[in-house]
C-alpha atoms as a PDB file:
ATOM      1  CA  MET A   1      -1.908  23.850  11.495  1.00  0.00           C
ATOM      2  CA  GLU A   2       0.520  21.352   9.997  1.00  0.00           C
ATOM      3  CA  GLN A   3       0.489  19.270  13.294  1.00  0.00           C
ATOM      4  CA  LEU A   4      -3.389  19.222  13.308  1.00  0.00           C
ATOM      5  CA  ARG A   5      -3.303  17.787   9.808  1.00  0.00           C
ATOM      6  CA  ARG A   6      -0.965  15.167  10.582  1.00  0.00           C
ATOM      7  CA  GLY A   7      -2.739  14.052  13.516  1.00  0.00           C
ATOM      8  CA  THR A   8      -5.976  13.595  11.629  1.00  0.00           C
ATOM      9  CA  THR A   9      -4.697  12.100   8.232  1.00  0.00           C
ATOM     10  CA  THR A  10      -5.700   8.652   8.874  1.00  0.00           C
ATOM     11  CA  THR A  11      -9.269   9.700  10.130  1.00  0.00           C
ATOM     12  CA  ALA A  12      -9.524  11.741   7.060  1.00  0.00           C
ATOM     13  CA  ILE A  13      -8.486   9.095   4.492  1.00  0.00           C
ATOM     14  CA  LEU A  14     -10.886   6.697   6.419  1.00  0.00           C
ATOM     15  CA  LYS A  15     -13.722   9.081   6.183  1.00  0.00           C
ATOM     16  CA  VAL A  16     -13.346   9.522   2.451  1.00  0.00           C
ATOM     17  CA  LEU A  17     -12.947   6.086   1.812  1.00  0.00           C
ATOM     18  CA  SER A  18     -16.030   5.132   3.865  1.00  0.00           C
ATOM     19  CA  GLU A  19     -18.073   6.569   0.885  1.00  0.00           C
ATOM     20  CA  GLY A  20     -16.514   4.139  -1.623  1.00  0.00           C
ATOM     21  CA  PRO A  21     -12.958   2.923  -3.100  1.00  0.00           C
ATOM     22  CA  LEU A  22     -10.782   5.796  -4.540  1.00  0.00           C
ATOM     23  CA  TYR A  23      -7.249   5.567  -5.879  1.00  0.00           C
ATOM     24  CA  ALA A  24      -4.521   7.907  -4.063  1.00  0.00           C
ATOM     25  CA  TYR A  25      -4.491  10.732  -6.356  1.00  0.00           C
ATOM     26  CA  ARG A  26      -8.437  11.125  -6.195  1.00  0.00           C
ATOM     27  CA  ILE A  27      -8.115  10.757  -2.225  1.00  0.00           C
ATOM     28  CA  ILE A  28      -5.783  13.843  -2.224  1.00  0.00           C
ATOM     29  CA  GLN A  29      -8.277  15.758  -4.314  1.00  0.00           C
ATOM     30  CA  VAL A  30     -11.382  14.957  -2.293  1.00  0.00           C
ATOM     31  CA  LEU A  31      -9.553  15.853   1.079  1.00  0.00           C
ATOM     32  CA  GLU A  32      -8.020  19.236  -0.310  1.00  0.00           C
ATOM     33  CA  ARG A  33     -11.477  19.985  -1.750  1.00  0.00           C
ATOM     34  CA  ARG A  34     -13.344  19.139   1.188  1.00  0.00           C
ATOM     35  CA  SER A  35     -10.975  21.223   3.746  1.00  0.00           C
ATOM     36  CA  GLN A  36     -11.556  24.167   1.248  1.00  0.00           C
ATOM     37  CA  GLY A  37      -7.599  24.091   0.679  1.00  0.00           C
ATOM     38  CA  LEU A  38      -6.846  24.238   4.533  1.00  0.00           C
ATOM     39  CA  PHE A  39      -5.030  21.293   4.314  1.00  0.00           C
ATOM     40  CA  THR A  40      -2.732  20.031   1.752  1.00  0.00           C
ATOM     41  CA  PHE A  41      -1.930  16.327   1.284  1.00  0.00           C
ATOM     42  CA  THR A  42       1.083  15.340  -0.956  1.00  0.00           C
ATOM     43  CA  GLU A  43       1.739  11.707  -2.249  1.00  0.00           C
ATOM     44  CA  GLY A  44       4.684  11.659  -0.120  1.00  0.00           C
ATOM     45  CA  LEU A  45       2.255  11.617   2.858  1.00  0.00           C
ATOM     46  CA  ILE A  46      -0.782   9.855   1.444  1.00  0.00           C
ATOM     47  CA  TYR A  47       1.207   6.789   0.016  1.00  0.00           C
ATOM     48  CA  PRO A  48       2.845   5.599   3.213  1.00  0.00           C
ATOM     49  CA  THR A  49      -0.327   6.140   5.210  1.00  0.00           C
ATOM     50  CA  LEU A  50      -2.405   4.227   2.680  1.00  0.00           C
ATOM     51  CA  HIS A  51       0.203   1.326   2.803  1.00  0.00           C
ATOM     52  CA  ARG A  52       0.313   1.306   6.607  1.00  0.00           C
ATOM     53  CA  LEU A  53      -3.527   1.413   6.836  1.00  0.00           C
ATOM     54  CA  GLU A  54      -3.602  -1.538   4.461  1.00  0.00           C
ATOM     55  CA  ARG A  55      -0.881  -3.397   6.378  1.00  0.00           C
ATOM     56  CA  ASP A  56      -2.857  -2.951   9.523  1.00  0.00           C
ATOM     57  CA  GLY A  57      -6.155  -4.334   7.987  1.00  0.00           C
ATOM     58  CA  LEU A  58      -7.985  -1.136   7.940  1.00  0.00           C
ATOM     59  CA  LEU A  59      -7.936  -0.823   4.117  1.00  0.00           C
ATOM     60  CA  THR A  60      -8.211  -3.453   1.221  1.00  0.00           C
ATOM     61  CA  SER A  61      -6.993  -2.845  -2.330  1.00  0.00           C
ATOM     62  CA  GLU A  62      -7.265  -3.990  -6.055  1.00  0.00           C
ATOM     63  CA  TRP A  63      -5.924  -2.853  -9.216  1.00  0.00           C
ATOM     64  CA  ARG A  64      -8.340  -1.512 -11.802  1.00  0.00           C
ATOM     65  CA  VAL A  65      -8.014  -0.123 -15.368  1.00  0.00           C
ATOM     66  CA  ALA A  66      -9.725   2.979 -16.067  1.00  0.00           C
ATOM     67  CA  ASP A  67      -9.335   5.205 -19.179  1.00  0.00           C
ATOM     68  CA  GLY A  68      -6.445   2.979 -20.191  1.00  0.00           C
ATOM     69  CA  ARG A  69      -4.430   3.372 -16.757  1.00  0.00           C
ATOM     70  CA  SER A  70      -4.007   0.911 -14.053  1.00  0.00           C
ATOM     71  CA  ARG A  71      -4.670   2.391 -10.607  1.00  0.00           C
ATOM     72  CA  LYS A  72      -4.673   0.956  -7.190  1.00  0.00           C
ATOM     73  CA  TYR A  73      -8.177   1.561  -5.574  1.00  0.00           C
ATOM     74  CA  TYR A  74      -8.394   1.453  -1.835  1.00  0.00           C
ATOM     75  CA  ALA A  75     -11.361   0.603   0.238  1.00  0.00           C
ATOM     76  CA  LEU A  76     -12.401   0.336   4.037  1.00  0.00           C
ATOM     77  CA  SER A  77     -12.292  -2.987   5.445  1.00  0.00           C
ATOM     78  CA  GLU A  78     -14.892  -3.818   8.440  1.00  0.00           C
ATOM     79  CA  ALA A  79     -11.945  -3.063  10.810  1.00  0.00           C
ATOM     80  CA  GLY A  80     -11.495   0.330   9.000  1.00  0.00           C
ATOM     81  CA  ARG A  81     -15.305   1.041   9.519  1.00  0.00           C
ATOM     82  CA  ARG A  82     -14.961   0.391  13.327  1.00  0.00           C
ATOM     83  CA  ARG A  83     -11.695   2.478  13.592  1.00  0.00           C
ATOM     84  CA  LEU A  84     -13.419   5.567  11.744  1.00  0.00           C
ATOM     85  CA  ALA A  85     -16.466   5.053  14.030  1.00  0.00           C
ATOM     86  CA  ARG A  86     -14.355   5.383  17.099  1.00  0.00           C
ATOM     87  CA  GLU A  87     -12.082   8.081  15.838  1.00  0.00           C
ATOM     88  CA  GLU A  88     -14.940  10.281  14.726  1.00  0.00           C
ATOM     89  CA  ARG A  89     -16.419  10.014  18.425  1.00  0.00           C
ATOM     90  CA  ASP A  90     -13.029  10.873  19.891  1.00  0.00           C
ATOM     91  CA  ILE A  91     -12.427  13.733  17.530  1.00  0.00           C
ATOM     92  CA  ARG A  92     -15.767  15.278  17.926  1.00  0.00           C
ATOM     93  CA  ALA A  93     -15.594  15.036  21.648  1.00  0.00           C
ATOM     94  CA  PHE A  94     -12.129  16.696  21.425  1.00  0.00           C
ATOM     95  CA  ALA A  95     -13.385  19.512  19.298  1.00  0.00           C
ATOM     96  CA  ARG A  96     -16.297  20.142  21.580  1.00  0.00           C
ATOM     97  CA  GLY A  97     -13.755  20.339  24.652  1.00  0.00           C
ATOM     98  CA  ILE A  98     -11.582  22.787  22.655  1.00  0.00           C
ATOM     99  CA  VAL A  99     -14.290  25.122  21.692  1.00  0.00           C
ATOM    100  CA  ARG A 100     -15.609  25.184  25.200  1.00  0.00           C
ATOM    101  CA  LEU A 101     -12.084  26.005  26.419  1.00  0.00           C
ATOM    102  CA  LEU A 102     -11.662  28.680  23.833  1.00  0.00           C
ATOM    103  CA  ASP A 103     -15.137  30.192  24.426  1.00  0.00           C
ATOM    104  CA  HIS A 104     -14.907  30.053  28.168  1.00  0.00           C
ATOM    105  CA  PRO A 105     -14.518  33.706  29.438  1.00  0.00           C
ATOM    106  CA  GLY A 106     -11.768  32.567  31.821  1.00  0.00           C
ATOM    107  CA  GLU A 107     -10.844  33.459  35.227  1.00  0.00           C
ATOM    108  CA  ALA A 108      -8.285  36.207  36.350  1.00  0.00           C
ATOM    109  CA  PRO A 109      -4.854  34.753  37.082  1.00  0.00           C
ATOM    110  CA  GLY A 110      -4.359  34.338  40.877  1.00  0.00           C
ATOM    111  CA  ARG A 111      -8.161  34.177  41.743  1.00  0.00           C
ATOM    112  CA  GLY A 112      -8.529  30.549  41.950  1.00  0.00           C
ATOM    113  CA  GLY A 113     -10.626  28.947  44.481  1.00  0.00           C
END
Protein backbone atom coordinates (compact mmCIF):
# COMPACT_ATOMS: atom_id res chain seq x y z
CA MET A 1 0.00 0.00 0.00
CA GLU A 2 2.89 2.35 0.79
CA GLN A 3 4.22 2.09 -2.79
CA LEU A 4 0.80 3.01 -4.18
CA ARG A 5 0.60 6.07 -1.94
CA ARG A 6 4.10 7.21 -2.89
CA GLY A 7 3.28 6.91 -6.57
CA THR A 8 0.24 9.14 -6.25
CA THR A 9 1.33 11.74 -3.69
CA THR A 10 1.93 14.42 -6.32
CA THR A 11 -1.47 13.88 -7.92
CA ALA A 12 -3.19 13.83 -4.53
CA ILE A 13 -1.61 17.16 -3.54
CA LEU A 14 -2.45 18.75 -6.88
CA LYS A 15 -6.04 17.53 -6.57
CA VAL A 16 -6.52 19.00 -3.10
CA LEU A 17 -4.99 22.31 -4.16
CA SER A 18 -7.20 22.46 -7.25
CA GLU A 19 -9.97 23.47 -4.83
CA GLY A 20 -8.05 26.39 -3.37
CA PRO A 21 -4.87 27.39 -1.53
CA LEU A 22 -3.90 25.56 1.66
CA TYR A 23 -0.93 25.29 4.00
CA ALA A 24 1.00 22.04 4.39
CA TYR A 25 -0.51 20.74 7.62
CA ARG A 26 -4.04 21.35 6.30
CA ILE A 27 -3.14 19.51 3.08
CA ILE A 28 -2.11 16.50 5.19
CA GLN A 29 -5.39 16.59 7.10
CA VAL A 30 -7.49 16.76 3.93
CA LEU A 31 -5.56 13.93 2.24
CA GLU A 32 -5.90 11.63 5.23
CA ARG A 33 -9.59 12.43 5.71
CA ARG A 34 -10.40 11.85 2.03
CA SER A 35 -8.53 8.54 1.98
CA GLN A 36 -10.44 7.63 5.17
CA GLY A 37 -7.12 6.91 6.86
CA LEU A 38 -6.00 4.44 4.21
CA PHE A 39 -3.02 6.64 3.38
CA THR A 40 -0.95 8.60 5.86
CA PHE A 41 1.09 11.62 4.87
CA THR A 42 3.87 12.92 7.07
CA GLU A 43 5.46 16.35 7.03
CA GLY A 44 8.67 14.62 5.97
CA LEU A 45 6.92 13.51 2.79
CA ILE A 46 4.70 16.53 2.12
CA TYR A 47 7.21 19.38 2.52
CA PRO A 48 9.81 18.05 0.06
CA THR A 49 7.03 17.27 -2.43
CA LEU A 50 5.55 20.76 -2.09
CA HIS A 51 8.99 22.34 -2.56
CA ARG A 52 9.67 20.21 -5.64
CA LEU A 53 6.28 21.04 -7.15
CA GLU A 54 6.88 24.73 -6.54
CA ARG A 55 10.37 24.51 -8.06
CA ASP A 56 8.88 22.74 -11.09
CA GLY A 57 6.36 25.55 -11.58
CA LEU A 58 3.31 23.46 -10.70
CA LEU A 59 2.58 25.42 -7.50
CA THR A 60 2.85 28.98 -6.31
CA SER A 61 3.08 30.04 -2.69
CA GLU A 62 2.59 33.03 -0.45
CA TRP A 63 2.94 33.71 3.25
CA ARG A 64 -0.28 34.59 5.10
CA VAL A 65 -0.99 35.42 8.70
CA ALA A 66 -4.01 33.67 10.17
CA ASP A 67 -4.88 33.30 13.85
CA GLY A 68 -1.65 35.12 14.69
CA ARG A 69 0.44 32.51 12.88
CA SER A 70 2.37 32.94 9.67
CA ARG A 71 1.80 30.06 7.26
CA LYS A 72 2.94 29.35 3.74
CA TYR A 73 -0.07 28.72 1.50
CA TYR A 74 0.34 26.75 -1.70
CA ALA A 75 -1.84 27.13 -4.79
CA LEU A 76 -2.00 25.44 -8.16
CA SER A 77 -0.42 27.24 -11.10
CA GLU A 78 -1.81 26.91 -14.62
CA ALA A 79 0.92 24.34 -15.35
CA GLY A 80 -0.19 22.47 -12.23
CA ARG A 81 -3.78 22.39 -13.48
CA ARG A 82 -2.67 20.94 -16.81
CA ARG A 83 -0.49 18.35 -15.07
CA LEU A 84 -3.35 17.36 -12.75
CA ALA A 85 -5.74 16.89 -15.69
CA ARG A 86 -3.20 14.67 -17.46
CA GLU A 87 -2.44 12.61 -14.34
CA GLU A 88 -6.12 12.19 -13.50
CA ARG A 89 -6.78 10.78 -16.97
CA ASP A 90 -3.78 8.44 -16.71
CA ILE A 91 -4.61 7.19 -13.21
CA ARG A 92 -8.29 6.60 -14.06
CA ALA A 93 -7.32 4.63 -17.19
CA PHE A 94 -4.77 2.62 -15.17
CA ALA A 95 -7.34 1.92 -12.43
CA ARG A 96 -9.92 0.73 -14.99
CA GLY A 97 -7.32 -1.61 -16.48
CA ILE A 98 -6.36 -3.03 -13.09
CA VAL A 99 -10.02 -3.59 -12.17
CA ARG A 100 -10.62 -5.40 -15.47
CA LEU A 101 -7.53 -7.52 -14.86
CA LEU A 102 -8.59 -8.42 -11.31
CA ASP A 103 -12.21 -9.08 -12.27
CA HIS A 104 -11.39 -11.23 -15.31
CA PRO A 105 -12.05 -14.92 -14.63
CA GLY A 106 -8.70 -15.76 -16.18
CA GLU A 107 -7.49 -18.64 -18.25
CA ALA A 108 -6.22 -21.95 -17.00
CA PRO A 109 -2.40 -22.20 -17.14
CA GLY A 110 -1.13 -23.92 -20.27
CA ARG A 111 -4.37 -23.43 -22.18
CA GLY A 112 -3.37 -20.43 -24.26
CA GLY A 113 -4.27 -20.13 -27.90
